[in-house]
Amino acid sequence: MEQQATSGTASAVLTPPAMRLRSVGVSFAGRTAVRNVSFNVDENKVTSLIGPSGSGKTTIVRKISELVSDFVFIPQDNYYKSAEYISNSNITAFNFDHPDAFDWELLNQHLALLAAGQSAPVPVYDFTIHDRSDRVRIVHPAGIVVVEEFYS
């Protein structure tokens, strides 16, 4: 149901969110992993779930996928640039948390495809070789697309 909001001479149509998440928690083996997460996902908007490594982004996204059928998520990890030139002994030389570590152009291309109602061939990053694998995951457009990322 849409609502009309006015302020002086300006007005806007307010629509309810496509998804409203309230007080979600996730536990594993009796231990709380994530607690009391709430947010809205607006229809026809790009939504990013952001936070540092280990903050529970993937856990929340998996929980959402259990609850919402018209939903897809894209992990930003899949858009890392190659770090194959770095060995495991000096892997800390590659800053995986720096914005330059990501292929933003490809991510933006894939989001544009999904927004246009087309599928996107999302790469699969392989941390054992520090590069994208030969595999891709075909992501189909959905009513709700969430990018799980570090930056917004």
N, C-alpha and C. Protein backbone atom coordinates (compact mmCIF):
# COMPACT_ATOMS: atom_id res chain seq x y z
N MET A 1 0.84 -1.17 0.00
CA MET A 1 0.00 0.00 0.00
C MET A 1 0.89 1.24 0.00
N GLU A 2 0.67 2.12 -0.97
CA GLU A 2 1.45 3.35 -1.06
C GLU A 2 0.83 4.42 -0.18
N GLN A 3 1.68 5.29 0.34
CA GLN A 3 1.23 6.44 1.12
C GLN A 3 1.80 7.69 0.49
N GLN A 4 1.04 8.77 0.53
CA GLN A 4 1.49 10.04 0.00
C GLN A 4 2.04 10.87 1.15
N ALA A 5 3.26 11.39 0.97
CA ALA A 5 3.87 12.26 1.97
C ALA A 5 4.07 13.62 1.34
N THR A 6 3.73 14.67 2.07
CA THR A 6 3.90 16.02 1.54
C THR A 6 4.64 16.87 2.55
N SER A 7 5.38 17.83 2.02
CA SER A 7 6.10 18.79 2.85
C SER A 7 6.16 20.08 2.07
N GLY A 8 5.37 21.05 2.45
CA GLY A 8 5.31 22.31 1.69
C GLY A 8 4.81 22.02 0.29
N THR A 9 5.61 22.34 -0.72
CA THR A 9 5.20 22.09 -2.10
C THR A 9 5.75 20.78 -2.64
N ALA A 10 6.65 20.12 -1.91
CA ALA A 10 7.23 18.85 -2.36
C ALA A 10 6.37 17.69 -1.87
N SER A 11 6.31 16.63 -2.66
CA SER A 11 5.59 15.44 -2.23
C SER A 11 6.33 14.21 -2.74
N ALA A 12 6.09 13.09 -2.10
CA ALA A 12 6.71 11.84 -2.50
C ALA A 12 5.74 10.71 -2.20
N VAL A 13 5.83 9.65 -2.99
CA VAL A 13 5.02 8.47 -2.76
C VAL A 13 5.88 7.50 -1.96
N LEU A 14 5.38 7.09 -0.81
CA LEU A 14 6.09 6.16 0.05
C LEU A 14 5.53 4.76 -0.16
N THR A 15 6.38 3.83 -0.51
CA THR A 15 5.93 2.46 -0.68
C THR A 15 6.55 1.61 0.42
N PRO A 16 5.85 0.58 0.82
CA PRO A 16 6.40 -0.28 1.87
C PRO A 16 7.63 -1.02 1.33
N PRO A 17 8.55 -1.40 2.20
CA PRO A 17 9.74 -2.12 1.75
C PRO A 17 9.37 -3.47 1.15
N ALA A 18 10.23 -3.95 0.25
CA ALA A 18 10.04 -5.27 -0.34
C ALA A 18 10.28 -6.35 0.71
N MET A 19 11.16 -6.05 1.65
CA MET A 19 11.45 -6.99 2.72
C MET A 19 11.75 -6.21 3.99
N ARG A 20 11.17 -6.66 5.07
CA ARG A 20 11.40 -6.04 6.38
C ARG A 20 11.92 -7.13 7.31
N LEU A 21 13.13 -6.97 7.78
CA LEU A 21 13.76 -7.94 8.66
C LEU A 21 13.79 -7.33 10.06
N ARG A 22 13.26 -8.04 11.04
CA ARG A 22 13.18 -7.52 12.39
C ARG A 22 13.71 -8.52 13.41
N SER A 23 14.65 -8.08 14.20
CA SER A 23 15.17 -8.83 15.35
C SER A 23 15.54 -10.27 15.02
N VAL A 24 16.31 -10.45 13.94
CA VAL A 24 16.73 -11.79 13.55
C VAL A 24 18.00 -12.16 14.31
N GLY A 25 18.03 -13.38 14.77
CA GLY A 25 19.22 -13.91 15.43
C GLY A 25 19.54 -15.28 14.88
N VAL A 26 20.80 -15.64 14.95
CA VAL A 26 21.23 -16.95 14.47
C VAL A 26 22.15 -17.55 15.52
N SER A 27 21.90 -18.82 15.83
CA SER A 27 22.74 -19.54 16.79
C SER A 27 23.26 -20.82 16.17
N PHE A 28 24.46 -21.22 16.58
CA PHE A 28 25.05 -22.48 16.17
C PHE A 28 25.48 -23.22 17.43
N ALA A 29 25.06 -24.46 17.54
CA ALA A 29 25.44 -25.30 18.68
C ALA A 29 25.21 -24.59 20.00
N GLY A 30 24.08 -23.89 20.10
CA GLY A 30 23.72 -23.22 21.34
C GLY A 30 24.43 -21.91 21.60
N ARG A 31 25.27 -21.45 20.67
CA ARG A 31 26.00 -20.19 20.84
C ARG A 31 25.46 -19.17 19.85
N THR A 32 25.21 -17.98 20.33
CA THR A 32 24.68 -16.91 19.48
C THR A 32 25.77 -16.39 18.56
N ALA A 33 25.49 -16.45 17.24
CA ALA A 33 26.44 -15.93 16.25
C ALA A 33 26.08 -14.50 15.88
N VAL A 34 24.80 -14.24 15.74
CA VAL A 34 24.29 -12.91 15.37
C VAL A 34 23.02 -12.69 16.17
N ARG A 35 22.83 -11.48 16.69
CA ARG A 35 21.61 -11.23 17.45
C ARG A 35 21.01 -9.87 17.09
N ASN A 36 19.69 -9.84 17.10
CA ASN A 36 18.92 -8.61 17.00
C ASN A 36 19.25 -7.74 15.78
N VAL A 37 19.27 -8.36 14.59
CA VAL A 37 19.53 -7.63 13.36
C VAL A 37 18.19 -7.22 12.75
N SER A 38 18.07 -5.94 12.39
CA SER A 38 16.85 -5.42 11.77
C SER A 38 17.22 -4.46 10.65
N PHE A 39 16.54 -4.58 9.51
CA PHE A 39 16.69 -3.61 8.44
C PHE A 39 15.59 -3.82 7.40
N ASN A 40 15.41 -2.83 6.53
CA ASN A 40 14.46 -2.90 5.43
C ASN A 40 15.21 -2.98 4.12
N VAL A 41 14.64 -3.67 3.15
CA VAL A 41 15.14 -3.69 1.78
C VAL A 41 14.04 -3.10 0.93
N ASP A 42 14.34 -1.96 0.30
CA ASP A 42 13.34 -1.27 -0.52
C ASP A 42 13.27 -1.88 -1.91
N GLU A 43 12.06 -1.87 -2.46
CA GLU A 43 11.84 -2.38 -3.80
C GLU A 43 12.55 -1.52 -4.83
N ASN A 44 13.14 -2.17 -5.84
CA ASN A 44 13.83 -1.49 -6.94
C ASN A 44 14.99 -0.62 -6.48
N LYS A 45 15.64 -1.02 -5.42
CA LYS A 45 16.81 -0.32 -4.90
C LYS A 45 17.95 -1.32 -4.77
N VAL A 46 19.17 -0.83 -4.91
CA VAL A 46 20.34 -1.66 -4.65
C VAL A 46 20.56 -1.67 -3.15
N THR A 47 20.71 -2.85 -2.60
CA THR A 47 20.91 -2.99 -1.16
C THR A 47 22.24 -3.66 -0.91
N SER A 48 23.03 -3.07 -0.05
CA SER A 48 24.32 -3.64 0.33
C SER A 48 24.30 -3.99 1.80
N LEU A 49 24.80 -5.14 2.11
CA LEU A 49 24.99 -5.56 3.50
C LEU A 49 26.48 -5.44 3.75
N ILE A 50 26.87 -4.48 4.60
CA ILE A 50 28.29 -4.18 4.77
C ILE A 50 28.76 -4.47 6.18
N GLY A 51 30.04 -4.71 6.30
CA GLY A 51 30.65 -4.93 7.60
C GLY A 51 32.01 -5.56 7.43
N PRO A 52 32.84 -5.48 8.45
CA PRO A 52 34.19 -6.05 8.35
C PRO A 52 34.14 -7.58 8.33
N SER A 53 35.26 -8.17 8.00
CA SER A 53 35.37 -9.63 8.01
C SER A 53 34.94 -10.18 9.37
N GLY A 54 34.16 -11.24 9.34
CA GLY A 54 33.74 -11.88 10.58
C GLY A 54 32.59 -11.20 11.31
N SER A 55 31.93 -10.22 10.67
CA SER A 55 30.88 -9.47 11.36
C SER A 55 29.50 -10.13 11.27
N GLY A 56 29.39 -11.21 10.48
CA GLY A 56 28.10 -11.92 10.40
C GLY A 56 27.33 -11.69 9.12
N LYS A 57 27.93 -11.03 8.12
CA LYS A 57 27.23 -10.75 6.86
C LYS A 57 26.73 -12.04 6.20
N THR A 58 27.62 -12.99 6.03
CA THR A 58 27.25 -14.24 5.37
C THR A 58 26.19 -14.98 6.17
N THR A 59 26.31 -14.97 7.47
CA THR A 59 25.33 -15.64 8.33
C THR A 59 23.95 -15.04 8.14
N ILE A 60 23.87 -13.70 8.11
CA ILE A 60 22.58 -13.03 7.92
C ILE A 60 22.02 -13.33 6.53
N VAL A 61 22.87 -13.28 5.51
CA VAL A 61 22.42 -13.54 4.14
C VAL A 61 21.87 -14.96 4.01
N ARG A 62 22.55 -15.92 4.62
CA ARG A 62 22.05 -17.30 4.58
C ARG A 62 20.69 -17.42 5.27
N LYS A 63 20.53 -16.72 6.37
CA LYS A 63 19.25 -16.74 7.08
C LYS A 63 18.15 -16.12 6.22
N ILE A 64 18.46 -15.00 5.56
CA ILE A 64 17.47 -14.36 4.68
C ILE A 64 17.07 -15.32 3.57
N SER A 65 18.05 -16.02 2.99
CA SER A 65 17.73 -16.93 1.88
C SER A 65 16.82 -18.07 2.33
N GLU A 66 16.82 -18.42 3.62
CA GLU A 66 15.91 -19.42 4.15
C GLU A 66 14.49 -18.87 4.26
N LEU A 67 14.38 -17.55 4.44
CA LEU A 67 13.08 -16.93 4.71
C LEU A 67 12.42 -16.31 3.49
N VAL A 68 13.19 -15.94 2.49
CA VAL A 68 12.68 -15.19 1.34
C VAL A 68 12.97 -15.96 0.07
N SER A 69 11.94 -16.22 -0.75
CA SER A 69 12.13 -17.03 -1.95
C SER A 69 12.66 -16.21 -3.14
N ASP A 70 12.21 -14.99 -3.33
CA ASP A 70 12.61 -14.17 -4.48
C ASP A 70 13.82 -13.32 -4.11
N PHE A 71 14.92 -14.00 -3.81
CA PHE A 71 16.08 -13.36 -3.21
C PHE A 71 17.36 -13.96 -3.79
N VAL A 72 18.34 -13.11 -4.04
CA VAL A 72 19.66 -13.59 -4.46
C VAL A 72 20.71 -12.68 -3.83
N PHE A 73 21.86 -13.26 -3.52
CA PHE A 73 22.92 -12.42 -3.00
C PHE A 73 24.21 -12.68 -3.76
N ILE A 74 25.02 -11.64 -3.83
CA ILE A 74 26.30 -11.70 -4.51
C ILE A 74 27.38 -11.33 -3.50
N PRO A 75 28.27 -12.27 -3.17
CA PRO A 75 29.36 -11.95 -2.25
C PRO A 75 30.44 -11.12 -2.96
N GLN A 76 30.86 -10.05 -2.36
CA GLN A 76 31.92 -9.21 -2.93
C GLN A 76 33.22 -10.00 -3.06
N ASP A 77 33.43 -10.99 -2.22
CA ASP A 77 34.63 -11.81 -2.28
C ASP A 77 34.88 -12.37 -3.69
N ASN A 78 33.81 -12.64 -4.42
CA ASN A 78 33.96 -13.22 -5.76
C ASN A 78 34.57 -12.25 -6.75
N TYR A 79 34.70 -10.99 -6.38
CA TYR A 79 35.22 -9.97 -7.29
C TYR A 79 36.63 -9.51 -6.91
N TYR A 80 37.32 -10.30 -6.09
CA TYR A 80 38.72 -9.99 -5.81
C TYR A 80 39.52 -10.06 -7.11
N LYS A 81 40.48 -9.16 -7.25
CA LYS A 81 41.43 -9.26 -8.36
C LYS A 81 42.42 -10.37 -8.02
N SER A 82 43.14 -10.81 -9.03
CA SER A 82 44.11 -11.88 -8.84
C SER A 82 45.22 -11.47 -7.87
N ALA A 83 45.55 -12.39 -6.99
CA ALA A 83 46.71 -12.23 -6.12
C ALA A 83 47.59 -13.47 -6.27
N GLU A 84 47.50 -14.12 -7.45
CA GLU A 84 48.22 -15.38 -7.67
C GLU A 84 49.73 -15.22 -7.62
N TYR A 85 50.21 -14.00 -7.79
CA TYR A 85 51.65 -13.75 -7.75
C TYR A 85 52.20 -13.79 -6.32
N ILE A 86 51.30 -13.89 -5.35
CA ILE A 86 51.71 -13.90 -3.94
C ILE A 86 51.63 -15.33 -3.42
N SER A 87 52.66 -15.76 -2.73
CA SER A 87 52.66 -17.11 -2.17
C SER A 87 51.99 -17.08 -0.79
N ASN A 88 51.67 -18.26 -0.29
CA ASN A 88 51.06 -18.34 1.04
C ASN A 88 51.98 -17.80 2.12
N SER A 89 53.28 -17.86 1.90
CA SER A 89 54.21 -17.38 2.92
C SER A 89 54.22 -15.85 3.04
N ASN A 90 53.80 -15.15 1.98
CA ASN A 90 53.76 -13.68 2.06
C ASN A 90 52.40 -13.12 1.65
N ILE A 91 51.35 -13.88 1.89
CA ILE A 91 50.00 -13.47 1.49
C ILE A 91 49.58 -12.16 2.14
N THR A 92 50.15 -11.83 3.27
CA THR A 92 49.78 -10.57 3.92
C THR A 92 50.24 -9.36 3.11
N ALA A 93 51.05 -9.58 2.07
CA ALA A 93 51.46 -8.48 1.19
C ALA A 93 50.29 -7.99 0.34
N PHE A 94 49.24 -8.80 0.21
CA PHE A 94 48.05 -8.40 -0.54
C PHE A 94 46.98 -7.98 0.46
N ASN A 95 46.53 -6.75 0.37
CA ASN A 95 45.53 -6.24 1.30
C ASN A 95 44.14 -6.53 0.75
N PHE A 96 43.54 -7.62 1.22
CA PHE A 96 42.22 -8.03 0.76
C PHE A 96 41.12 -7.07 1.20
N ASP A 97 41.42 -6.19 2.15
CA ASP A 97 40.41 -5.24 2.64
C ASP A 97 40.49 -3.88 1.95
N HIS A 98 41.43 -3.69 1.05
CA HIS A 98 41.57 -2.40 0.36
C HIS A 98 40.64 -2.35 -0.85
N PRO A 99 40.03 -1.20 -1.12
CA PRO A 99 39.13 -1.09 -2.28
C PRO A 99 39.78 -1.48 -3.61
N ASP A 100 41.08 -1.28 -3.75
CA ASP A 100 41.77 -1.62 -5.00
C ASP A 100 41.88 -3.13 -5.21
N ALA A 101 41.56 -3.93 -4.21
CA ALA A 101 41.64 -5.38 -4.33
C ALA A 101 40.47 -5.96 -5.14
N PHE A 102 39.47 -5.13 -5.44
CA PHE A 102 38.24 -5.62 -6.08
C PHE A 102 38.10 -5.13 -7.52
N ASP A 103 37.44 -5.95 -8.33
CA ASP A 103 37.13 -5.61 -9.71
C ASP A 103 35.75 -4.94 -9.71
N TRP A 104 35.73 -3.66 -9.39
CA TRP A 104 34.47 -2.91 -9.26
C TRP A 104 33.74 -2.82 -10.60
N GLU A 105 34.49 -2.70 -11.68
CA GLU A 105 33.87 -2.59 -13.00
C GLU A 105 33.03 -3.82 -13.32
N LEU A 106 33.59 -5.01 -13.06
CA LEU A 106 32.85 -6.24 -13.32
C LEU A 106 31.64 -6.36 -12.40
N LEU A 107 31.80 -6.03 -11.13
CA LEU A 107 30.67 -6.07 -10.20
C LEU A 107 29.55 -5.14 -10.68
N ASN A 108 29.91 -3.94 -11.09
CA ASN A 108 28.90 -2.99 -11.58
C ASN A 108 28.22 -3.50 -12.85
N GLN A 109 28.98 -4.14 -13.74
CA GLN A 109 28.39 -4.72 -14.96
C GLN A 109 27.36 -5.78 -14.59
N HIS A 110 27.71 -6.62 -13.63
CA HIS A 110 26.80 -7.70 -13.23
C HIS A 110 25.55 -7.16 -12.55
N LEU A 111 25.70 -6.13 -11.72
CA LEU A 111 24.52 -5.52 -11.10
C LEU A 111 23.62 -4.88 -12.15
N ALA A 112 24.22 -4.27 -13.18
CA ALA A 112 23.43 -3.67 -14.25
C ALA A 112 22.66 -4.74 -15.02
N LEU A 113 23.29 -5.89 -15.26
CA LEU A 113 22.58 -6.99 -15.92
C LEU A 113 21.37 -7.44 -15.10
N LEU A 114 21.58 -7.63 -13.80
CA LEU A 114 20.49 -8.08 -12.93
C LEU A 114 19.37 -7.04 -12.88
N ALA A 115 19.75 -5.76 -12.82
CA ALA A 115 18.75 -4.69 -12.79
C ALA A 115 17.94 -4.65 -14.09
N ALA A 116 18.56 -5.08 -15.19
CA ALA A 116 17.88 -5.11 -16.49
C ALA A 116 17.10 -6.41 -16.70
N GLY A 117 17.07 -7.27 -15.67
CA GLY A 117 16.32 -8.51 -15.77
C GLY A 117 17.07 -9.64 -16.44
N GLN A 118 18.39 -9.51 -16.56
CA GLN A 118 19.22 -10.53 -17.20
C GLN A 118 20.07 -11.25 -16.15
N SER A 119 20.47 -12.47 -16.48
CA SER A 119 21.34 -13.23 -15.58
C SER A 119 22.77 -12.73 -15.69
N ALA A 120 23.55 -12.96 -14.64
CA ALA A 120 24.95 -12.53 -14.60
C ALA A 120 25.85 -13.71 -14.27
N PRO A 121 26.97 -13.85 -15.01
CA PRO A 121 27.94 -14.94 -14.74
C PRO A 121 28.94 -14.51 -13.66
N VAL A 122 28.60 -14.71 -12.41
CA VAL A 122 29.41 -14.25 -11.28
C VAL A 122 30.62 -15.16 -11.11
N PRO A 123 31.82 -14.58 -11.05
CA PRO A 123 33.02 -15.41 -10.87
C PRO A 123 33.03 -16.06 -9.49
N VAL A 124 33.83 -17.10 -9.36
CA VAL A 124 34.02 -17.79 -8.09
C VAL A 124 35.49 -17.64 -7.72
N TYR A 125 35.76 -16.93 -6.64
CA TYR A 125 37.15 -16.72 -6.21
C TYR A 125 37.62 -17.91 -5.41
N ASP A 126 38.82 -18.37 -5.69
CA ASP A 126 39.41 -19.52 -5.02
C ASP A 126 40.58 -19.03 -4.16
N PHE A 127 40.40 -19.00 -2.87
CA PHE A 127 41.43 -18.49 -1.96
C PHE A 127 42.65 -19.41 -1.89
N THR A 128 42.52 -20.66 -2.35
CA THR A 128 43.69 -21.55 -2.32
C THR A 128 44.70 -21.20 -3.40
N ILE A 129 44.24 -20.56 -4.49
CA ILE A 129 45.15 -20.15 -5.56
C ILE A 129 45.23 -18.62 -5.66
N HIS A 130 44.49 -17.92 -4.82
CA HIS A 130 44.46 -16.46 -4.78
C HIS A 130 44.07 -15.85 -6.13
N ASP A 131 43.09 -16.48 -6.76
CA ASP A 131 42.62 -16.02 -8.07
C ASP A 131 41.21 -16.59 -8.29
N ARG A 132 40.55 -16.08 -9.30
CA ARG A 132 39.24 -16.64 -9.66
C ARG A 132 39.43 -18.03 -10.26
N SER A 133 38.52 -18.91 -9.91
CA SER A 133 38.57 -20.26 -10.49
C SER A 133 38.01 -20.19 -11.91
N ASP A 134 38.02 -21.31 -12.60
CA ASP A 134 37.45 -21.38 -13.95
C ASP A 134 35.93 -21.43 -13.90
N ARG A 135 35.37 -21.65 -12.72
CA ARG A 135 33.92 -21.76 -12.57
C ARG A 135 33.27 -20.39 -12.48
N VAL A 136 32.02 -20.30 -12.89
CA VAL A 136 31.19 -19.13 -12.64
C VAL A 136 29.87 -19.63 -12.06
N ARG A 137 29.21 -18.76 -11.34
CA ARG A 137 27.89 -19.07 -10.78
C ARG A 137 26.90 -18.16 -11.50
N ILE A 138 25.97 -18.75 -12.22
CA ILE A 138 24.97 -17.94 -12.93
C ILE A 138 23.95 -17.47 -11.91
N VAL A 139 23.86 -16.15 -11.77
CA VAL A 139 22.92 -15.54 -10.84
C VAL A 139 21.78 -14.96 -11.67
N HIS A 140 20.58 -15.39 -11.35
CA HIS A 140 19.39 -14.95 -12.08
C HIS A 140 18.78 -13.75 -11.37
N PRO A 141 18.13 -12.87 -12.12
CA PRO A 141 17.51 -11.70 -11.48
C PRO A 141 16.44 -12.14 -10.49
N ALA A 142 16.27 -11.34 -9.45
CA ALA A 142 15.29 -11.64 -8.42
C ALA A 142 14.70 -10.33 -7.93
N GLY A 143 13.62 -10.43 -7.20
CA GLY A 143 12.98 -9.25 -6.64
C GLY A 143 13.86 -8.52 -5.65
N ILE A 144 14.71 -9.28 -4.96
CA ILE A 144 15.63 -8.69 -3.98
C ILE A 144 17.03 -9.19 -4.30
N VAL A 145 17.94 -8.24 -4.56
CA VAL A 145 19.34 -8.56 -4.81
C VAL A 145 20.16 -7.86 -3.73
N VAL A 146 20.91 -8.63 -2.97
CA VAL A 146 21.74 -8.07 -1.92
C VAL A 146 23.20 -8.35 -2.26
N VAL A 147 24.02 -7.31 -2.20
CA VAL A 147 25.46 -7.46 -2.36
C VAL A 147 26.07 -7.48 -0.96
N GLU A 148 26.72 -8.57 -0.66
CA GLU A 148 27.39 -8.73 0.64
C GLU A 148 28.78 -8.15 0.46
N GLU A 149 29.06 -7.03 1.15
CA GLU A 149 30.32 -6.36 0.88
C GLU A 149 30.92 -5.67 2.10
N PHE A 150 32.13 -5.19 1.89
CA PHE A 150 32.86 -4.44 2.91
C PHE A 150 32.57 -2.96 2.82
N TYR A 151 32.32 -2.48 1.62
CA TYR A 151 32.15 -1.05 1.37
C TYR A 151 30.80 -0.78 0.74
N SER A 152 30.30 0.40 0.95
CA SER A 152 29.04 0.78 0.31
C SER A 152 29.18 2.14 -0.29
